[in-house]
Amino acid sequence: MLDELSKKLRGKQTVILGVGNPLQGDDAIGPNLVDFLQGRIEATLINGGEVPENYLNSIRAAQPETVLIVVALELGADPGCVAVLEADRLRAIGNFTRNQGLPFLTVLIEERTGAEVIVLGVQPETTAFASELSQPVHDTLRNLEEMLLNTY
């Protein structure tokens, strides 16, 4: 699945938007990934935290062809499992650990940029306050980091 995503992203002007709360365990997967990649890849990296809608102008200014949103999603799977979702499929799911407005955000990004929006959801193990990334999600974080470093 990550190989297919890599092929889809390769050669495109991309914004990677990390969404989540860094103080709530596995919900921090998106912001952590963006922070780990800073200065290491040729993509626009935005740590959207809990209010990614505040970064719409920055996303639009980057003139992306693709926007990759990395976020913890309740997928009903084992912790650390990954799902790559097109924006229209995301709107049908609606199970988010923190940000219920994510489907609306994807619509706004599509409308304002014309970019393809892809959501990379990671199944959390814990989102308890003041917890750290669980081992399965940490392992996924490292796999995503490696895949994106090889893509860009």
Protein backbone atom coordinates (compact mmCIF):
# COMPACT_ATOMS: atom_id res chain seq x y z
CA MET A 1 0.00 0.00 0.00
CA LEU A 2 2.79 2.44 0.85
CA ASP A 3 4.56 1.58 -2.41
CA GLU A 4 1.42 2.59 -4.33
CA LEU A 5 1.20 5.82 -2.36
CA SER A 6 4.86 6.57 -3.07
CA LYS A 7 4.28 6.12 -6.81
CA LYS A 8 1.26 8.41 -6.64
CA LEU A 9 3.25 11.16 -4.89
CA ARG A 10 6.52 10.92 -6.80
CA GLY A 11 7.23 13.88 -9.05
CA LYS A 12 4.29 15.96 -7.81
CA GLN A 13 4.28 19.26 -5.97
CA THR A 14 3.05 18.02 -2.60
CA VAL A 15 1.95 19.45 0.72
CA ILE A 16 2.14 17.05 3.66
CA LEU A 17 -0.22 18.20 6.39
CA GLY A 18 0.15 16.60 9.83
CA VAL A 19 -3.03 16.74 11.89
CA GLY A 20 -3.38 15.86 15.57
CA ASN A 21 -2.59 16.76 19.16
CA PRO A 22 1.04 16.12 20.14
CA LEU A 23 -0.02 15.75 23.78
CA GLN A 24 -2.40 12.86 23.15
CA GLY A 25 -0.37 9.78 22.38
CA ASP A 26 -0.94 8.29 18.96
CA ASP A 27 -2.98 11.30 17.87
CA ALA A 28 0.43 12.95 17.37
CA ILE A 29 1.39 10.76 14.39
CA GLY A 30 0.78 13.52 11.81
CA PRO A 31 2.58 16.37 13.58
CA ASN A 32 5.46 14.08 14.56
CA LEU A 33 5.95 12.88 11.00
CA VAL A 34 6.01 16.45 9.66
CA ASP A 35 8.49 17.49 12.36
CA PHE A 36 10.79 14.52 11.61
CA LEU A 37 10.80 15.33 7.89
CA GLN A 38 11.55 19.08 8.22
CA GLY A 39 14.49 20.02 6.01
CA ARG A 40 14.88 16.48 4.70
CA ILE A 41 12.47 16.27 1.75
CA GLU A 42 11.33 18.37 -1.19
CA ALA A 43 7.71 18.80 -0.14
CA THR A 44 5.92 21.55 1.74
CA LEU A 45 5.48 20.38 5.32
CA ILE A 46 2.80 21.84 7.56
CA ASN A 47 2.16 20.88 11.16
CA GLY A 48 -1.55 21.65 11.36
CA GLY A 49 -1.90 20.41 14.91
CA GLU A 50 -5.50 20.51 16.06
CA VAL A 51 -6.53 23.39 13.81
CA PRO A 52 -5.44 22.44 10.29
CA GLU A 53 -8.06 24.73 8.78
CA ASN A 54 -5.91 27.67 9.94
CA TYR A 55 -3.33 26.64 7.31
CA LEU A 56 -5.54 26.81 4.22
CA ASN A 57 -3.75 29.91 2.94
CA SER A 58 -0.35 28.26 3.41
CA ILE A 59 -1.55 25.18 1.58
CA ARG A 60 -2.91 27.25 -1.28
CA ALA A 61 0.30 29.33 -1.47
CA ALA A 62 2.32 26.14 -2.02
CA GLN A 63 0.33 25.49 -5.23
CA PRO A 64 0.19 21.73 -4.64
CA GLU A 65 -0.86 19.07 -7.08
CA THR A 66 -1.40 16.72 -4.14
CA VAL A 67 -2.09 17.24 -0.45
CA LEU A 68 -1.30 14.31 1.84
CA ILE A 69 -3.01 14.57 5.22
CA VAL A 70 -1.53 12.32 7.91
CA VAL A 71 -3.88 11.74 10.84
CA ALA A 72 -4.90 9.18 13.46
CA LEU A 73 -8.18 7.56 12.42
CA GLU A 74 -10.32 4.95 14.10
CA LEU A 75 -10.19 2.25 11.44
CA GLY A 76 -11.31 -0.71 13.54
CA ALA A 77 -7.91 -2.29 12.87
CA ASP A 78 -4.81 -3.21 14.84
CA PRO A 79 -2.80 -0.27 16.22
CA GLY A 80 -0.38 1.09 13.66
CA CYS A 81 -2.35 -0.15 10.65
CA VAL A 82 -2.52 2.31 7.77
CA ALA A 83 -5.31 3.19 5.36
CA VAL A 84 -4.87 5.41 2.33
CA LEU A 85 -8.16 7.12 1.58
CA GLU A 86 -9.22 9.40 -1.20
CA ALA A 87 -11.08 12.43 0.15
CA ASP A 88 -14.50 11.21 -1.01
CA ARG A 89 -14.11 7.92 0.87
CA LEU A 90 -13.00 9.77 3.98
CA ARG A 91 -16.24 11.72 4.00
CA ALA A 92 -18.12 8.41 4.23
CA ILE A 93 -16.15 7.18 7.27
CA GLY A 94 -16.24 10.02 9.76
CA ASN A 95 -14.41 8.24 12.62
CA PHE A 96 -11.70 10.59 13.85
CA THR A 97 -9.85 10.59 17.14
CA ARG A 98 -9.82 14.38 17.43
CA ASN A 99 -10.90 16.34 14.40
CA GLN A 100 -14.49 15.87 13.31
CA GLY A 101 -14.09 18.56 10.64
CA LEU A 102 -11.55 16.64 8.57
CA PRO A 103 -13.98 15.72 5.76
CA PHE A 104 -14.96 19.38 5.44
CA LEU A 105 -11.28 20.37 5.42
CA THR A 106 -10.64 18.05 2.48
CA VAL A 107 -13.45 19.75 0.54
CA LEU A 108 -12.02 23.19 1.29
CA ILE A 109 -8.53 22.15 0.19
CA GLU A 110 -9.85 20.62 -3.04
CA GLU A 111 -11.95 23.70 -3.82
CA ARG A 112 -9.23 26.25 -3.05
CA THR A 113 -6.26 24.47 -4.64
CA GLY A 114 -7.62 22.03 -7.21
CA ALA A 115 -5.21 19.52 -5.67
CA GLU A 116 -5.92 15.86 -5.14
CA VAL A 117 -6.35 15.23 -1.41
CA ILE A 118 -5.20 11.92 0.02
CA VAL A 119 -5.69 11.01 3.67
CA LEU A 120 -3.25 8.62 5.27
CA GLY A 121 -5.00 7.33 8.38
CA VAL A 122 -3.17 5.45 11.12
CA GLN A 123 -5.03 3.33 13.68
CA PRO A 124 -4.15 4.60 17.18
CA GLU A 125 -3.67 2.42 20.22
CA THR A 126 -4.02 5.22 22.77
CA THR A 127 -4.91 8.89 22.66
CA ALA A 128 -4.77 9.46 26.41
CA PHE A 129 -3.55 12.85 27.54
CA ALA A 130 0.20 13.05 28.24
CA SER A 131 0.85 9.62 26.72
CA GLU A 132 3.55 8.96 24.16
CA LEU A 133 3.28 7.19 20.83
CA SER A 134 2.57 3.50 21.28
CA GLN A 135 5.17 1.12 19.86
CA PRO A 136 3.00 0.00 16.92
CA VAL A 137 2.30 3.61 15.89
CA HIS A 138 5.95 4.57 16.43
CA ASP A 139 6.95 1.73 14.08
CA THR A 140 4.45 3.00 11.50
CA LEU A 141 5.83 6.51 11.90
CA ARG A 142 9.33 5.26 11.05
CA ASN A 143 8.02 3.32 8.02
CA LEU A 144 6.21 6.40 6.74
CA GLU A 145 9.29 8.53 7.30
CA GLU A 146 11.43 6.10 5.31
CA MET A 147 8.87 5.86 2.49
CA LEU A 148 8.63 9.64 2.17
CA LEU A 149 12.41 10.11 2.30
CA ASN A 150 12.70 7.62 -0.56
CA THR A 151 9.88 9.32 -2.50
CA TYR A 152 11.32 12.85 -2.30
